[in-house]
Amino acid sequence: MGFNCGIVGLPNVGKSTLFNALTETAAAEAANYPFCTIEPNVGRVAVPDERLETIARIGQSAKVIHTQLEFVDIAGLVRGASRGEGLGNQFLANIREVDAICHVLRCFEGEVTHVEGSIDPLRDAETVETELMLADLDSVERQRDSTAKKARVGEKEAVARLAVLEPVVAALQDGKPARTVRVSEEQKPILHGLNLITAKPVLYVANVEEGSAATGNGLSEKVRAKAEADGAGFVVISAAIEAEVAQLEAADKAEFLETLGLEEPGLARLIRSGYDLLGLLTFFTVGPKEARAWTVHKGARAPQAAGVIHSDFERGFIRAETIAYADFVALGGEQACKEAGRMRAEGKDYLVQDGDIFHFRFNV
């Protein structure tokens, strides 16, 4: 389990270049004209995690299996997309399917044509978000009207649903995304069930020129300020550099990045920002056959983590034999942790911690 992130933005901001770089493929055609992405491209990439390599080495595992991250490259949106302009509503539907939105904003000058005729990432962000809010507003107004009829005759579920729909409609009409609406814990499943684009968490990606990849530039600083004000994620990336890095041999990547003042590829920063945005964490399993990383949401309990591996593990959960990553590394493996009393038997109420190494006991 990883997470599914839709890459959105205006045409020609570097979305497909970034997608190609992230997935190390040429599946998305990067071209200097709008709408070169005709179908949503989906790419799955391994989530890099040095801890997994360390665990595998200590455990002498034959195979290393990283958890997966999915990116969906969605065609460039334009003004009027909510009314079907450009490639319109078919792509708005694709965005509804993802867990989070990775909003690429152009923060570089250059010869590549910009659909608006000038470079202004804050204007571009407003253009895209307005279209997404208009699409959501159309959806919730229709849902509110049909739900109100049922609520008037006393349908309990309709009354509860209407109590969420009305403030969402009001927020969208006021030009505020659905994620700004505060709901109770009991109402959260209702809000989630509305499947609204603007209720999804957002990660702003400032796409800068090569020379600004390490520090950002004046345009990306404006995006950073917006992200902080909106409570959104933020990362600076040069899609052009990422495209170059993707073509290099592993041995050459570190040297190339060092010449640019970068410690790691943009993918690593993007993943960490995405994990933080969605509240995800990683746990591990290790043995002679394989060392493997798995992903769960923060707040997951041991049986839920077991269920990520196999539903039988969750259904017949008995206990989770647990070693902290730091102990596994410091003591040199499972047997040494057992002998030192650093392997714990955790039950059904145990909250999974990032870096936990599990061996699940179950009976079905």
Protein backbone atom coordinates (compact mmCIF):
# COMPACT_ATOMS: atom_id res chain seq x y z
CA MET A 1 0.00 0.00 0.00
CA GLY A 2 1.30 3.44 -0.92
CA PHE A 3 -0.72 6.40 -2.03
CA ASN A 4 -2.23 7.63 -5.26
CA CYS A 5 -1.37 11.18 -6.29
CA GLY A 6 -2.83 13.04 -9.27
CA ILE A 7 -0.48 15.47 -11.01
CA VAL A 8 -2.48 18.52 -12.11
CA GLY A 9 -1.78 22.00 -13.42
CA LEU A 10 -2.18 24.21 -16.45
CA PRO A 11 -0.78 22.99 -19.78
CA ASN A 12 2.98 23.37 -20.28
CA VAL A 13 3.98 23.82 -16.64
CA GLY A 14 6.15 20.67 -16.64
CA LYS A 15 3.65 18.06 -15.42
CA SER A 16 4.46 15.39 -17.97
CA THR A 17 8.20 16.07 -17.77
CA LEU A 18 7.96 15.53 -14.02
CA PHE A 19 5.86 12.41 -14.48
CA ASN A 20 8.38 10.97 -16.95
CA ALA A 21 11.21 11.68 -14.56
CA LEU A 22 9.42 10.21 -11.54
CA THR A 23 8.48 7.00 -13.29
CA GLU A 24 11.67 6.85 -15.39
CA THR A 25 9.58 6.23 -18.49
CA ALA A 26 8.48 8.17 -21.52
CA ALA A 27 4.88 7.06 -21.08
CA ALA A 28 3.64 10.64 -20.92
CA GLU A 29 4.56 12.58 -24.03
CA ALA A 30 6.11 15.90 -23.02
CA ALA A 31 5.46 18.41 -25.79
CA ASN A 32 5.39 22.16 -26.27
CA TYR A 33 1.67 22.49 -26.85
CA PRO A 34 -1.45 22.13 -24.66
CA PHE A 35 -3.25 18.82 -24.22
CA CYS A 36 -0.42 16.50 -25.26
CA THR A 37 -1.64 14.21 -22.46
CA ILE A 38 -4.82 12.72 -23.89
CA GLU A 39 -5.36 9.85 -21.45
CA PRO A 40 -4.39 9.89 -17.80
CA ASN A 41 -1.02 8.14 -17.49
CA VAL A 42 -0.47 6.01 -14.44
CA GLY A 43 3.00 5.16 -13.18
CA ARG A 44 4.03 3.13 -10.17
CA VAL A 45 7.42 3.81 -8.62
CA ALA A 46 9.36 2.27 -5.75
CA VAL A 47 9.50 4.44 -2.65
CA PRO A 48 13.20 4.84 -1.79
CA ASP A 49 14.03 4.10 1.85
CA GLU A 50 17.60 3.57 3.02
CA ARG A 51 16.32 1.80 6.13
CA LEU A 52 15.04 -1.07 3.99
CA GLU A 53 18.46 -1.62 2.42
CA THR A 54 20.03 -1.64 5.89
CA ILE A 55 17.49 -4.14 7.24
CA ALA A 56 17.98 -6.40 4.21
CA ARG A 57 21.74 -6.37 4.65
CA ILE A 58 21.53 -7.25 8.35
CA GLY A 59 18.85 -9.90 7.73
CA GLN A 60 20.77 -11.29 4.73
CA SER A 61 17.57 -11.15 2.70
CA ALA A 62 17.70 -12.50 -0.84
CA LYS A 63 15.26 -9.88 -2.15
CA VAL A 64 14.40 -6.28 -1.34
CA ILE A 65 10.85 -5.09 -2.07
CA HIS A 66 10.02 -1.42 -1.70
CA THR A 67 6.52 -0.11 -1.12
CA GLN A 68 4.93 1.48 -4.18
CA LEU A 69 3.80 5.00 -4.98
CA GLU A 70 1.35 5.72 -7.80
CA PHE A 71 1.29 8.89 -9.86
CA VAL A 72 -1.50 9.79 -12.28
CA ASP A 73 -0.55 12.37 -14.91
CA ILE A 74 -3.75 14.23 -15.78
CA ALA A 75 -4.10 16.48 -18.84
CA GLY A 76 -3.61 20.21 -18.36
CA LEU A 77 -6.64 22.09 -17.09
CA VAL A 78 -7.61 25.50 -18.49
CA ARG A 79 -10.11 28.23 -17.65
CA GLY A 80 -13.57 26.82 -18.26
CA ALA A 81 -12.58 23.18 -17.64
CA SER A 82 -15.54 22.81 -15.26
CA ARG A 83 -17.78 23.72 -18.23
CA GLY A 84 -16.01 21.33 -20.58
CA GLU A 85 -13.42 23.74 -22.03
CA GLY A 86 -10.17 22.19 -23.24
CA LEU A 87 -10.49 18.52 -22.41
CA GLY A 88 -12.79 19.41 -19.55
CA ASN A 89 -14.87 17.20 -17.37
CA GLN A 90 -13.39 13.84 -18.37
CA PHE A 91 -10.22 14.86 -16.56
CA LEU A 92 -12.03 16.29 -13.57
CA ALA A 93 -13.47 12.81 -13.15
CA ASN A 94 -9.93 11.36 -13.16
CA ILE A 95 -8.90 13.74 -10.38
CA ARG A 96 -11.77 12.52 -8.19
CA GLU A 97 -10.17 9.06 -8.14
CA VAL A 98 -6.89 10.08 -6.46
CA ASP A 99 -6.01 10.40 -2.75
CA ALA A 100 -4.10 13.67 -3.02
CA ILE A 101 -3.41 16.39 -5.56
CA CYS A 102 0.11 17.20 -6.67
CA HIS A 103 -0.33 20.70 -8.17
CA VAL A 104 2.59 21.64 -10.42
CA LEU A 105 3.16 25.38 -10.84
CA ARG A 106 5.53 26.88 -13.37
CA CYS A 107 8.18 29.00 -11.64
CA PHE A 108 10.62 29.45 -14.52
CA GLU A 109 10.88 31.67 -17.57
CA GLY A 110 11.65 30.19 -20.98
CA GLU A 111 10.62 29.65 -24.56
CA VAL A 112 7.97 27.03 -23.80
CA THR A 113 4.56 28.55 -24.51
CA HIS A 114 2.44 29.36 -21.46
CA VAL A 115 -1.29 29.06 -22.03
CA GLU A 116 -1.92 32.36 -20.17
CA GLY A 117 0.85 34.24 -22.03
CA SER A 118 2.95 35.08 -18.93
CA ILE A 119 4.52 33.43 -15.87
CA ASP A 120 2.53 33.87 -12.65
CA PRO A 121 2.26 30.76 -10.45
CA LEU A 122 -0.24 32.30 -8.00
CA ARG A 123 -2.59 33.22 -10.85
CA ASP A 124 -2.17 29.72 -12.27
CA ALA A 125 -2.96 28.16 -8.89
CA GLU A 126 -6.09 30.27 -8.59
CA THR A 127 -7.18 29.34 -12.13
CA VAL A 128 -6.94 25.61 -11.49
CA GLU A 129 -8.45 25.77 -8.00
CA THR A 130 -11.36 27.87 -9.25
CA GLU A 131 -12.17 25.26 -11.89
CA LEU A 132 -11.99 22.49 -9.30
CA MET A 133 -14.24 24.42 -6.91
CA LEU A 134 -16.79 25.10 -9.68
CA ALA A 135 -16.86 21.39 -10.53
CA ASP A 136 -17.39 20.52 -6.86
CA LEU A 137 -20.05 23.20 -6.45
CA ASP A 138 -22.05 21.79 -9.35
CA SER A 139 -21.85 18.34 -7.76
CA VAL A 140 -22.80 19.34 -4.18
CA GLU A 141 -25.64 21.66 -5.21
CA ARG A 142 -27.29 18.76 -7.02
CA GLN A 143 -26.66 16.45 -4.07
CA ARG A 144 -28.00 19.05 -1.62
CA ASP A 145 -31.24 19.52 -3.54
CA SER A 146 -31.99 15.80 -3.73
CA THR A 147 -30.93 15.23 -0.10
CA ALA A 148 -33.06 18.15 1.18
CA LYS A 149 -36.22 16.50 -0.19
CA LYS A 150 -35.49 13.33 1.78
CA ALA A 151 -34.53 15.29 4.90
CA ARG A 152 -37.87 17.14 4.85
CA VAL A 153 -39.72 13.85 5.28
CA GLY A 154 -37.48 12.92 8.21
CA GLU A 155 -35.02 10.44 6.69
CA LYS A 156 -32.32 10.21 9.36
CA GLU A 157 -29.38 9.62 6.98
CA ALA A 158 -30.50 12.48 4.76
CA VAL A 159 -30.66 14.87 7.71
CA ALA A 160 -27.08 13.95 8.69
CA ARG A 161 -25.87 14.26 5.11
CA LEU A 162 -27.57 17.64 4.63
CA ALA A 163 -25.80 18.96 7.75
CA VAL A 164 -22.51 18.41 5.89
CA LEU A 165 -23.65 19.44 2.43
CA GLU A 166 -24.94 22.86 3.43
CA PRO A 167 -21.68 24.25 4.89
CA VAL A 168 -19.75 22.74 1.97
CA VAL A 169 -22.01 24.49 -0.54
CA ALA A 170 -21.65 27.76 1.41
CA ALA A 171 -17.85 27.50 1.43
CA LEU A 172 -17.60 26.76 -2.29
CA GLN A 173 -19.99 29.60 -3.12
CA ASP A 174 -17.69 31.83 -1.07
CA GLY A 175 -14.67 30.74 -3.12
CA LYS A 176 -13.22 28.42 -0.46
CA PRO A 177 -12.28 24.78 -1.12
CA ALA A 178 -14.16 21.98 0.63
CA ARG A 179 -11.10 21.11 2.72
CA THR A 180 -11.62 24.33 4.70
CA VAL A 181 -14.96 23.11 6.08
CA ARG A 182 -14.66 21.83 9.65
CA VAL A 183 -16.75 18.76 10.46
CA SER A 184 -17.05 16.49 13.49
CA GLU A 185 -15.47 13.02 13.63
CA GLU A 186 -18.90 11.52 12.98
CA GLN A 187 -19.33 13.69 9.90
CA LYS A 188 -15.94 12.94 8.34
CA PRO A 189 -17.10 9.75 6.57
CA ILE A 190 -19.99 11.74 5.05
CA LEU A 191 -17.64 14.45 3.77
CA HIS A 192 -15.29 11.80 2.37
CA GLY A 193 -18.22 10.09 0.68
CA LEU A 194 -19.05 13.26 -1.28
CA ASN A 195 -15.90 12.53 -3.33
CA LEU A 196 -14.99 16.19 -3.73
CA ILE A 197 -11.83 17.25 -5.52
CA THR A 198 -11.20 20.28 -3.30
CA ALA A 199 -11.54 18.17 -0.14
CA LYS A 200 -8.32 16.34 -1.06
CA PRO A 201 -5.01 17.42 0.45
CA VAL A 202 -2.77 19.44 -1.87
CA LEU A 203 0.98 19.42 -2.43
CA TYR A 204 2.23 22.43 -4.39
CA VAL A 205 5.23 21.60 -6.58
CA ALA A 206 7.19 24.67 -7.66
CA ASN A 207 8.89 23.71 -10.93
CA VAL A 208 11.99 25.91 -11.20
CA GLU A 209 14.87 26.27 -13.65
CA GLU A 210 18.00 24.16 -13.14
CA GLY A 211 19.98 26.91 -11.39
CA SER A 212 17.31 27.34 -8.69
CA ALA A 213 16.78 23.66 -7.90
CA ALA A 214 18.69 23.81 -4.60
CA THR A 215 17.42 27.13 -3.26
CA GLY A 216 14.25 27.99 -5.18
CA ASN A 217 13.63 31.46 -6.65
CA GLY A 218 11.38 34.48 -6.14
CA LEU A 219 8.43 32.80 -7.83
CA SER A 220 8.73 29.60 -5.78
CA GLU A 221 8.89 31.68 -2.57
CA LYS A 222 5.46 33.09 -3.44
CA VAL A 223 4.18 29.54 -3.82
CA ARG A 224 5.78 28.57 -0.48
CA ALA A 225 3.94 31.44 1.23
CA LYS A 226 0.65 30.35 -0.35
CA ALA A 227 1.18 26.74 0.75
CA GLU A 228 1.85 27.84 4.33
CA ALA A 229 -1.26 30.05 4.33
CA ASP A 230 -3.39 27.23 2.90
CA GLY A 231 -1.99 24.51 5.16
CA ALA A 232 -0.81 22.66 2.04
CA GLY A 233 2.39 20.76 1.30
CA PHE A 234 5.21 22.38 -0.68
CA VAL A 235 8.31 21.21 -2.50
CA VAL A 236 10.73 22.78 -5.01
CA ILE A 237 11.73 20.61 -7.96
CA SER A 238 13.38 21.16 -11.31
CA ALA A 239 11.55 18.76 -13.61
CA ALA A 240 14.31 19.23 -16.19
CA ILE A 241 16.95 18.05 -13.70
CA GLU A 242 14.78 15.13 -12.60
CA ALA A 243 14.47 14.08 -16.24
CA GLU A 244 18.27 14.08 -16.55
CA VAL A 245 18.77 12.21 -13.27
CA ALA A 246 16.31 9.54 -14.38
CA GLN A 247 18.54 8.70 -17.34
CA LEU A 248 21.78 8.34 -15.34
CA GLU A 249 23.33 5.18 -13.96
CA ALA A 250 23.03 4.88 -10.17
CA ALA A 251 26.77 5.48 -9.71
CA ASP A 252 26.60 8.80 -11.59
CA LYS A 253 23.47 10.23 -9.93
CA ALA A 254 25.08 11.32 -6.65
CA GLU A 255 27.94 13.09 -8.43
CA PHE A 256 25.56 14.89 -10.79
CA LEU A 257 23.34 16.04 -7.93
CA GLU A 258 26.32 17.22 -5.91
CA THR A 259 27.43 19.52 -8.74
CA LEU A 260 24.01 21.18 -8.50
CA GLY A 261 24.12 21.54 -4.72
CA LEU A 262 21.50 18.81 -4.19
CA GLU A 263 21.77 15.97 -1.68
CA GLU A 264 19.04 13.81 -3.19
CA PRO A 265 16.69 13.61 -6.19
CA GLY A 266 13.41 15.51 -6.13
CA LEU A 267 11.49 12.23 -5.99
CA ALA A 268 12.67 11.62 -2.43
CA ARG A 269 11.54 15.08 -1.32
CA LEU A 270 8.24 14.66 -3.15
CA ILE A 271 7.56 11.32 -1.45
CA ARG A 272 8.35 12.64 2.03
CA SER A 273 6.10 15.64 1.46
CA GLY A 274 3.35 13.36 0.19
CA TYR A 275 3.69 10.98 3.15
CA ASP A 276 3.48 13.88 5.56
CA LEU A 277 0.50 15.32 3.70
CA LEU A 278 -1.47 12.08 3.87
CA GLY A 279 -0.29 11.03 7.32
CA LEU A 280 1.42 7.83 6.20
CA LEU A 281 4.16 5.77 7.82
CA THR A 282 6.27 2.74 6.90
CA PHE A 283 6.74 -0.59 8.66
CA PHE A 284 8.93 -3.51 7.61
CA THR A 285 9.07 -7.28 7.48
CA VAL A 286 12.38 -9.10 7.11
CA GLY A 287 13.53 -12.68 6.60
CA PRO A 288 16.00 -14.74 4.54
CA LYS A 289 13.73 -14.68 1.49
CA GLU A 290 12.93 -10.96 1.44
CA ALA A 291 12.97 -7.65 3.26
CA ARG A 292 9.90 -5.60 2.49
CA ALA A 293 8.46 -2.15 3.22
CA TRP A 294 4.73 -1.57 3.77
CA THR A 295 2.66 1.59 4.22
CA VAL A 296 -0.20 2.36 6.62
CA HIS A 297 -1.88 5.54 7.82
CA LYS A 298 -0.74 7.04 11.12
CA GLY A 299 -3.06 5.81 13.84
CA ALA A 300 -3.25 2.29 12.38
CA ARG A 301 -3.22 -0.53 14.92
CA ALA A 302 -1.26 -3.77 14.63
CA PRO A 303 -4.11 -5.87 13.13
CA GLN A 304 -4.63 -3.23 10.40
CA ALA A 305 -0.94 -3.37 9.54
CA ALA A 306 -1.20 -7.15 9.37
CA GLY A 307 -4.17 -6.76 7.03
CA VAL A 308 -2.05 -4.76 4.58
CA ILE A 309 0.00 -7.92 4.06
CA HIS A 310 -2.96 -10.31 3.89
CA SER A 311 -6.57 -10.17 5.05
CA ASP A 312 -6.09 -13.52 6.85
CA PHE A 313 -3.40 -11.93 9.02
CA GLU A 314 -5.87 -9.32 10.24
CA ARG A 315 -8.79 -11.69 10.65
CA GLY A 316 -6.81 -14.22 12.69
CA PHE A 317 -4.48 -11.75 14.41
CA ILE A 318 -2.94 -13.02 17.67
CA ARG A 319 0.01 -10.72 18.28
CA ALA A 320 2.73 -8.72 16.56
CA GLU A 321 6.31 -9.55 17.48
CA THR A 322 7.82 -6.09 17.20
CA ILE A 323 11.35 -4.66 17.00
CA ALA A 324 12.11 -0.96 16.66
CA TYR A 325 14.29 -0.14 13.64
CA ALA A 326 16.96 1.50 15.83
CA ASP A 327 17.23 -1.62 18.01
CA PHE A 328 17.40 -3.95 15.00
CA VAL A 329 20.31 -1.97 13.56
CA ALA A 330 22.14 -1.30 16.83
CA LEU A 331 22.01 -4.94 18.00
CA GLY A 332 22.51 -6.51 14.58
CA GLY A 333 19.33 -8.39 13.83
CA GLU A 334 16.34 -10.33 15.15
CA GLN A 335 18.12 -12.97 17.24
CA ALA A 336 20.25 -10.41 19.06
CA CYS A 337 17.13 -8.32 19.77
CA LYS A 338 15.38 -11.38 21.22
CA GLU A 339 18.35 -12.14 23.47
CA ALA A 340 18.54 -8.53 24.64
CA GLY A 341 14.81 -8.41 25.38
CA ARG A 342 14.21 -5.81 22.66
CA MET A 343 11.56 -7.85 20.82
CA ARG A 344 8.10 -6.97 22.15
CA ALA A 345 4.83 -8.89 21.88
CA GLU A 346 2.19 -6.30 20.98
CA GLY A 347 -1.56 -6.89 20.94
CA LYS A 348 -4.56 -5.61 19.03
CA ASP A 349 -4.48 -2.10 20.49
CA TYR A 350 -0.85 -1.39 19.59
CA LEU A 351 -0.39 1.75 17.48
CA VAL A 352 2.05 1.17 14.64
CA GLN A 353 5.19 3.34 14.81
CA ASP A 354 7.22 4.42 11.79
CA GLY A 355 10.09 1.95 11.27
CA ASP A 356 8.56 -0.94 13.24
CA ILE A 357 9.75 -4.36 12.15
CA PHE A 358 6.95 -6.90 12.54
CA HIS A 359 6.50 -10.64 12.58
CA PHE A 360 2.77 -11.35 12.82
CA ARG A 361 1.31 -14.34 14.60
CA PHE A 362 -2.16 -15.32 13.45
CA ASN A 363 -4.57 -18.26 13.37
CA VAL A 364 -7.35 -18.63 10.81
